[in-house]
Amino acid sequence: MTDCPADITALCHRLGDKLMRQGRRLVTVESCTGGGVAYFLTSIAGSSEWFERGLVTYSNQAKSELAGVADNLIEQYGAVSEEVANAMALGGLSHGNATDAVAITGIAGPGGGTAEKPVGTVCFAWAHRENGGQQPEVRSQRHVLAGDRHSVRIQSVIRAVTGLLEDA
């Protein structure tokens, strides 16, 4: 993910403007995108005003250690599941002073897919809490994205940022 495609850049600018106007801060918890969302967001000058941190939780162990995802949740539903994405997002909010979180876990390919979870399956979760609020709201989605590894990852970044804009 070297270049910042124009559509991603525009989405990231819109998101940053909204977060800054509303005094909100964001954490990303990423698996299959490997920090791609954080990369594109922090490509914007001044993003330190609204970007709190990014966690790359590529392995199951990292999901547990960094985002607090329970091992039994991963065992029961699999790392690529809405349940795990929800836990990742909530775990991200538990670190630092973020008000918003996005989590992404998926199978970018070319291997690793199954009949139940084919290559391109990506689960997203978005969590939000009001400043000082105790109980965050969380929502999730599962998508099956088409294309090669790079395409699935780029589409995932776009969907993650778009979902944040929907919540903002």
Foldseek 3Di string as FASTA:
>chain_A
DPDQDPVLLVLLVVLLVVQLVQQFAEEEEEALLQCVLVVSNVVDPPSVSHYDYYHYQHDPVSLCPQQVQDPVQCVVANCADQSSQQSSFVSRVVPDQGFKYKYKDAALDPDDADPVHGHQKMKMKMWGDDRVGDDIDMDMDIDRDDDHSVRSSVVVSVVRSVVSVVVD
